[in-house]
Amino acid sequence: MPMMTPAAMALATVAMMVAMMLPSIAPTVWRHHRHLRAARVSRAAQRTILLAVGYASVWATIALALFAMSTALSPMRIASAGAVILCAGVIQRSRWKANQLRHCREACVTALTGAAAWIDGCRLGVDCGLSCAAPMAVLFVLGLMDTRMMLIITAAITAERVAPGGARIARLTGAIALVAGLGMCLRAIQISMLL
């Protein structure tokens, strides 16, 4: 099986990242479309698509940035990955994360013009990107294209954004990251002492 070219890998990373965000953004896009239809706005479907395209363009940009960083860095050592996961756990349990998650969960975008719909989609993408900073850091250090990690991160992001008690879910995933990161750091220390 031939290796993928860097351009194909970048495209696959973008597709994966946008697909990962679909389950968690779908309710907001649906609310937006229902609002436009209830307000009898012309071309509600096109405006809803512009919102989704704005959102997806932010995540495509994030995916390209992560891809560029992953190709520029040598593989991380266990201690480095453990430290990143520890930090992600702290962020997931922080007040800052709770505020970012609230912005993302409460978004009911109501732009009535096409350009505003795209801009609102971009804003929503930025808000949700900030909310997902910690899970994305974990995905980055454990394998940007690791299918199992993508599924786990997608499930965690979707649960914290869509399920009741999203802030509690974020704190729980933060606690899991703290334990996993600490374990990785301790393992790295143990390995370094044996050398």
C-alpha atoms as a PDB file:
ATOM      1  CA  MET A   1       0.000   0.000   0.000  1.00  0.00           C
ATOM      2  CA  PRO A   2       1.569   3.333  -1.049  1.00  0.00           C
ATOM      3  CA  MET A   3       2.215   6.062   1.508  1.00  0.00           C
ATOM      4  CA  MET A   4      -0.006   9.116   1.394  1.00  0.00           C
ATOM      5  CA  THR A   5       1.497  12.344   0.144  1.00  0.00           C
ATOM      6  CA  PRO A   6       1.703  15.236   2.626  1.00  0.00           C
ATOM      7  CA  ALA A   7      -1.097  17.022   0.742  1.00  0.00           C
ATOM      8  CA  ALA A   8      -3.325  13.933   0.977  1.00  0.00           C
ATOM      9  CA  MET A   9      -2.504  13.594   4.689  1.00  0.00           C
ATOM     10  CA  ALA A  10      -3.379  17.274   5.247  1.00  0.00           C
ATOM     11  CA  LEU A  11      -6.677  16.806   3.413  1.00  0.00           C
ATOM     12  CA  ALA A  12      -7.431  13.661   5.433  1.00  0.00           C
ATOM     13  CA  THR A  13      -6.689  15.560   8.648  1.00  0.00           C
ATOM     14  CA  VAL A  14      -9.092  18.346   7.637  1.00  0.00           C
ATOM     15  CA  ALA A  15     -11.815  15.834   6.744  1.00  0.00           C
ATOM     16  CA  MET A  16     -11.308  13.983  10.019  1.00  0.00           C
ATOM     17  CA  MET A  17     -11.422  17.137  12.128  1.00  0.00           C
ATOM     18  CA  VAL A  18     -14.569  18.495  10.478  1.00  0.00           C
ATOM     19  CA  ALA A  19     -16.244  15.082  10.766  1.00  0.00           C
ATOM     20  CA  MET A  20     -15.318  14.906  14.458  1.00  0.00           C
ATOM     21  CA  MET A  21     -17.189  18.149  15.112  1.00  0.00           C
ATOM     22  CA  LEU A  22     -20.392  17.256  13.240  1.00  0.00           C
ATOM     23  CA  PRO A  23     -22.140  15.385  16.064  1.00  0.00           C
ATOM     24  CA  SER A  24     -21.664  18.241  18.517  1.00  0.00           C
ATOM     25  CA  ILE A  25     -22.626  21.093  16.161  1.00  0.00           C
ATOM     26  CA  ALA A  26     -25.684  19.425  14.596  1.00  0.00           C
ATOM     27  CA  PRO A  27     -28.164  20.554  17.305  1.00  0.00           C
ATOM     28  CA  THR A  28     -27.056  24.189  16.978  1.00  0.00           C
ATOM     29  CA  VAL A  29     -27.315  24.115  13.193  1.00  0.00           C
ATOM     30  CA  TRP A  30     -30.770  22.571  13.474  1.00  0.00           C
ATOM     31  CA  ARG A  31     -31.900  25.272  15.986  1.00  0.00           C
ATOM     32  CA  HIS A  32     -30.553  27.944  13.646  1.00  0.00           C
ATOM     33  CA  HIS A  33     -32.489  26.524  10.704  1.00  0.00           C
ATOM     34  CA  ARG A  34     -35.707  26.222  12.745  1.00  0.00           C
ATOM     35  CA  HIS A  35     -35.325  29.851  13.889  1.00  0.00           C
ATOM     36  CA  LEU A  36     -34.919  31.061  10.316  1.00  0.00           C
ATOM     37  CA  ARG A  37     -37.935  29.067   9.144  1.00  0.00           C
ATOM     38  CA  ALA A  38     -40.059  30.321  12.049  1.00  0.00           C
ATOM     39  CA  ALA A  39     -39.065  33.895  11.173  1.00  0.00           C
ATOM     40  CA  ARG A  40     -40.015  33.121   7.544  1.00  0.00           C
ATOM     41  CA  VAL A  41     -36.607  34.195   6.314  1.00  0.00           C
ATOM     42  CA  SER A  42     -36.094  33.575   2.630  1.00  0.00           C
ATOM     43  CA  ARG A  43     -33.449  31.015   1.683  1.00  0.00           C
ATOM     44  CA  ALA A  44     -33.257  29.616   5.219  1.00  0.00           C
ATOM     45  CA  ALA A  45     -31.501  26.468   3.977  1.00  0.00           C
ATOM     46  CA  GLN A  46     -28.769  28.430   2.175  1.00  0.00           C
ATOM     47  CA  ARG A  47     -28.191  30.606   5.232  1.00  0.00           C
ATOM     48  CA  THR A  48     -27.986  27.541   7.438  1.00  0.00           C
ATOM     49  CA  ILE A  49     -25.430  26.048   5.053  1.00  0.00           C
ATOM     50  CA  LEU A  50     -23.381  29.272   5.252  1.00  0.00           C
ATOM     51  CA  LEU A  51     -23.391  28.999   9.050  1.00  0.00           C
ATOM     52  CA  ALA A  52     -22.154  25.411   8.829  1.00  0.00           C
ATOM     53  CA  VAL A  53     -19.503  26.346   6.243  1.00  0.00           C
ATOM     54  CA  GLY A  54     -18.224  29.150   8.495  1.00  0.00           C
ATOM     55  CA  TYR A  55     -18.008  26.711  11.412  1.00  0.00           C
ATOM     56  CA  ALA A  56     -16.301  24.057   9.293  1.00  0.00           C
ATOM     57  CA  SER A  57     -13.797  26.577   7.910  1.00  0.00           C
ATOM     58  CA  VAL A  58     -12.571  27.343  11.430  1.00  0.00           C
ATOM     59  CA  TRP A  59     -12.134  23.630  12.161  1.00  0.00           C
ATOM     60  CA  ALA A  60     -10.389  23.109   8.818  1.00  0.00           C
ATOM     61  CA  THR A  61      -7.936  25.842   9.800  1.00  0.00           C
ATOM     62  CA  ILE A  62      -7.370  24.216  13.203  1.00  0.00           C
ATOM     63  CA  ALA A  63      -6.799  20.857  11.480  1.00  0.00           C
ATOM     64  CA  LEU A  64      -4.232  22.333   9.097  1.00  0.00           C
ATOM     65  CA  ALA A  65      -2.391  23.999  11.983  1.00  0.00           C
ATOM     66  CA  LEU A  66      -2.293  20.741  13.957  1.00  0.00           C
ATOM     67  CA  PHE A  67      -1.143  18.838  10.868  1.00  0.00           C
ATOM     68  CA  ALA A  68       1.634  21.359  10.241  1.00  0.00           C
ATOM     69  CA  MET A  69       2.791  21.107  13.869  1.00  0.00           C
ATOM     70  CA  SER A  70       2.680  17.308  13.817  1.00  0.00           C
ATOM     71  CA  THR A  71       4.916  17.118  10.768  1.00  0.00           C
ATOM     72  CA  ALA A  72       7.336  19.717  12.134  1.00  0.00           C
ATOM     73  CA  LEU A  73       7.832  18.041  15.521  1.00  0.00           C
ATOM     74  CA  SER A  74       9.621  14.843  16.255  1.00  0.00           C
ATOM     75  CA  PRO A  75       7.519  12.238  18.048  1.00  0.00           C
ATOM     76  CA  MET A  76       6.923  13.281  21.638  1.00  0.00           C
ATOM     77  CA  ARG A  77       8.446  11.317  24.448  1.00  0.00           C
ATOM     78  CA  ILE A  78       6.202   9.767  27.087  1.00  0.00           C
ATOM     79  CA  ALA A  79       7.016  12.469  29.646  1.00  0.00           C
ATOM     80  CA  SER A  80       6.170  15.284  27.226  1.00  0.00           C
ATOM     81  CA  ALA A  81       2.893  13.655  26.244  1.00  0.00           C
ATOM     82  CA  GLY A  82       2.100  13.019  29.908  1.00  0.00           C
ATOM     83  CA  ALA A  83       2.731  16.672  30.751  1.00  0.00           C
ATOM     84  CA  VAL A  84       0.452  17.828  27.933  1.00  0.00           C
ATOM     85  CA  ILE A  85      -2.298  15.447  29.076  1.00  0.00           C
ATOM     86  CA  LEU A  86      -1.889  16.651  32.677  1.00  0.00           C
ATOM     87  CA  CYS A  87      -2.296  20.243  31.504  1.00  0.00           C
ATOM     88  CA  ALA A  88      -5.326  19.234  29.436  1.00  0.00           C
ATOM     89  CA  GLY A  89      -6.867  17.711  32.569  1.00  0.00           C
ATOM     90  CA  VAL A  90      -6.315  20.940  34.494  1.00  0.00           C
ATOM     91  CA  ILE A  91      -7.885  22.968  31.670  1.00  0.00           C
ATOM     92  CA  GLN A  92     -10.877  20.621  31.422  1.00  0.00           C
ATOM     93  CA  ARG A  93     -11.594  21.180  35.115  1.00  0.00           C
ATOM     94  CA  SER A  94     -11.077  24.971  35.039  1.00  0.00           C
ATOM     95  CA  ARG A  95     -13.554  27.828  35.241  1.00  0.00           C
ATOM     96  CA  TRP A  96     -12.218  29.065  31.887  1.00  0.00           C
ATOM     97  CA  LYS A  97     -13.257  25.757  30.262  1.00  0.00           C
ATOM     98  CA  ALA A  98     -16.686  25.970  31.891  1.00  0.00           C
ATOM     99  CA  ASN A  99     -17.178  29.453  30.441  1.00  0.00           C
ATOM    100  CA  GLN A 100     -16.030  28.392  26.955  1.00  0.00           C
ATOM    101  CA  LEU A 101     -18.283  25.356  27.087  1.00  0.00           C
ATOM    102  CA  ARG A 102     -21.230  27.517  28.165  1.00  0.00           C
ATOM    103  CA  HIS A 103     -20.685  29.810  25.150  1.00  0.00           C
ATOM    104  CA  CYS A 104     -20.616  26.799  22.865  1.00  0.00           C
ATOM    105  CA  ARG A 105     -23.631  25.052  24.448  1.00  0.00           C
ATOM    106  CA  GLU A 106     -25.826  28.142  24.591  1.00  0.00           C
ATOM    107  CA  ALA A 107     -25.173  29.245  21.036  1.00  0.00           C
ATOM    108  CA  CYS A 108     -28.358  29.750  19.137  1.00  0.00           C
ATOM    109  CA  VAL A 109     -27.154  31.633  16.141  1.00  0.00           C
ATOM    110  CA  THR A 110     -29.855  33.832  14.647  1.00  0.00           C
ATOM    111  CA  ALA A 111     -28.173  35.736  11.812  1.00  0.00           C
ATOM    112  CA  LEU A 112     -30.668  36.686   9.155  1.00  0.00           C
ATOM    113  CA  THR A 113     -28.307  37.626   6.309  1.00  0.00           C
ATOM    114  CA  GLY A 114     -26.007  35.364   4.340  1.00  0.00           C
ATOM    115  CA  ALA A 115     -22.746  37.101   5.224  1.00  0.00           C
ATOM    116  CA  ALA A 116     -23.740  37.318   8.869  1.00  0.00           C
ATOM    117  CA  ALA A 117     -24.563  33.599   8.890  1.00  0.00           C
ATOM    118  CA  TRP A 118     -21.047  32.745   7.675  1.00  0.00           C
ATOM    119  CA  ILE A 119     -19.459  35.129  10.202  1.00  0.00           C
ATOM    120  CA  ASP A 120     -21.629  33.720  12.992  1.00  0.00           C
ATOM    121  CA  GLY A 121     -20.544  30.236  11.950  1.00  0.00           C
ATOM    122  CA  CYS A 122     -16.906  31.336  12.176  1.00  0.00           C
ATOM    123  CA  ARG A 123     -17.517  32.869  15.621  1.00  0.00           C
ATOM    124  CA  LEU A 124     -19.193  29.686  16.789  1.00  0.00           C
ATOM    125  CA  GLY A 125     -16.267  27.693  15.410  1.00  0.00           C
ATOM    126  CA  VAL A 126     -13.795  29.851  17.359  1.00  0.00           C
ATOM    127  CA  ASP A 127     -15.834  29.557  20.577  1.00  0.00           C
ATOM    128  CA  CYS A 128     -16.092  25.794  20.191  1.00  0.00           C
ATOM    129  CA  GLY A 129     -12.425  25.555  19.187  1.00  0.00           C
ATOM    130  CA  LEU A 130     -11.451  27.243  22.442  1.00  0.00           C
ATOM    131  CA  SER A 131     -13.768  24.913  24.337  1.00  0.00           C
ATOM    132  CA  CYS A 132     -12.092  21.920  22.659  1.00  0.00           C
ATOM    133  CA  ALA A 133      -8.490  23.056  23.220  1.00  0.00           C
ATOM    134  CA  ALA A 134      -7.752  20.444  25.881  1.00  0.00           C
ATOM    135  CA  PRO A 135      -9.254  17.437  24.066  1.00  0.00           C
ATOM    136  CA  MET A 136      -7.496  18.512  20.857  1.00  0.00           C
ATOM    137  CA  ALA A 137      -4.169  18.705  22.733  1.00  0.00           C
ATOM    138  CA  VAL A 138      -4.713  15.144  23.961  1.00  0.00           C
ATOM    139  CA  LEU A 139      -5.531  13.983  20.424  1.00  0.00           C
ATOM    140  CA  PHE A 140      -2.438  15.767  19.122  1.00  0.00           C
ATOM    141  CA  VAL A 141       0.009  14.100  21.513  1.00  0.00           C
ATOM    142  CA  LEU A 142      -1.576  10.645  21.330  1.00  0.00           C
ATOM    143  CA  GLY A 143      -1.899  10.540  17.550  1.00  0.00           C
ATOM    144  CA  LEU A 144      -3.714  13.036  15.387  1.00  0.00           C
ATOM    145  CA  MET A 145      -4.911  10.337  12.984  1.00  0.00           C
ATOM    146  CA  ASP A 146      -5.379   7.538  15.535  1.00  0.00           C
ATOM    147  CA  THR A 147      -8.919   6.302  14.825  1.00  0.00           C
ATOM    148  CA  ARG A 148      -9.567   5.053  18.358  1.00  0.00           C
ATOM    149  CA  MET A 149      -8.482   8.359  19.897  1.00  0.00           C
ATOM    150  CA  MET A 150     -10.556  10.303  17.361  1.00  0.00           C
ATOM    151  CA  LEU A 151     -13.650   8.328  18.367  1.00  0.00           C
ATOM    152  CA  ILE A 152     -12.974   8.796  22.083  1.00  0.00           C
ATOM    153  CA  ILE A 153     -12.339  12.537  21.711  1.00  0.00           C
ATOM    154  CA  THR A 154     -15.410  12.942  19.468  1.00  0.00           C
ATOM    155  CA  ALA A 155     -17.588  11.156  22.030  1.00  0.00           C
ATOM    156  CA  ALA A 156     -16.204  13.279  24.885  1.00  0.00           C
ATOM    157  CA  ILE A 157     -16.662  16.571  22.998  1.00  0.00           C
ATOM    158  CA  THR A 158     -20.167  15.640  21.869  1.00  0.00           C
ATOM    159  CA  ALA A 159     -21.179  14.569  25.376  1.00  0.00           C
ATOM    160  CA  GLU A 160     -19.935  17.753  27.025  1.00  0.00           C
ATOM    161  CA  ARG A 161     -21.629  19.934  24.400  1.00  0.00           C
ATOM    162  CA  VAL A 162     -24.927  18.119  23.923  1.00  0.00           C
ATOM    163  CA  ALA A 163     -25.726  15.930  26.939  1.00  0.00           C
ATOM    164  CA  PRO A 164     -27.304  17.345  30.092  1.00  0.00           C
ATOM    165  CA  GLY A 165     -24.621  18.196  32.633  1.00  0.00           C
ATOM    166  CA  GLY A 166     -21.963  18.998  30.051  1.00  0.00           C
ATOM    167  CA  ALA A 167     -19.798  20.850  32.584  1.00  0.00           C
ATOM    168  CA  ARG A 168     -19.762  17.763  34.839  1.00  0.00           C
ATOM    169  CA  ILE A 169     -18.757  15.625  31.866  1.00  0.00           C
ATOM    170  CA  ALA A 170     -15.895  18.038  31.103  1.00  0.00           C
ATOM    171  CA  ARG A 171     -14.714  17.847  34.729  1.00  0.00           C
ATOM    172  CA  LEU A 172     -14.895  14.033  34.598  1.00  0.00           C
ATOM    173  CA  THR A 173     -12.847  13.853  31.400  1.00  0.00           C
ATOM    174  CA  GLY A 174     -10.435  16.301  33.030  1.00  0.00           C
ATOM    175  CA  ALA A 175     -10.037  13.967  36.002  1.00  0.00           C
ATOM    176  CA  ILE A 176      -9.392  11.043  33.651  1.00  0.00           C
ATOM    177  CA  ALA A 177      -6.768  13.099  31.806  1.00  0.00           C
ATOM    178  CA  LEU A 178      -5.108  14.061  35.108  1.00  0.00           C
ATOM    179  CA  VAL A 179      -4.817  10.411  36.147  1.00  0.00           C
ATOM    180  CA  ALA A 180      -3.600   9.296  32.701  1.00  0.00           C
ATOM    181  CA  GLY A 181      -1.100  12.164  32.425  1.00  0.00           C
ATOM    182  CA  LEU A 182       0.243  11.553  35.910  1.00  0.00           C
ATOM    183  CA  GLY A 183       0.617   7.851  35.126  1.00  0.00           C
ATOM    184  CA  MET A 184       2.530   8.644  31.938  1.00  0.00           C
ATOM    185  CA  CYS A 185       4.833  11.063  33.761  1.00  0.00           C
ATOM    186  CA  LEU A 186       5.518   8.537  36.536  1.00  0.00           C
ATOM    187  CA  ARG A 187       6.208   5.850  33.933  1.00  0.00           C
ATOM    188  CA  ALA A 188       8.658   8.167  32.164  1.00  0.00           C
ATOM    189  CA  ILE A 189      10.451   8.865  35.475  1.00  0.00           C
ATOM    190  CA  GLN A 190      10.620   5.142  36.180  1.00  0.00           C
ATOM    191  CA  ILE A 191      12.090   4.452  32.725  1.00  0.00           C
ATOM    192  CA  SER A 192      14.664   7.245  33.103  1.00  0.00           C
ATOM    193  CA  MET A 193      15.780   5.838  36.486  1.00  0.00           C
ATOM    194  CA  LEU A 194      16.371   2.425  34.927  1.00  0.00           C
ATOM    195  CA  LEU A 195      18.629   3.867  32.229  1.00  0.00           C
END
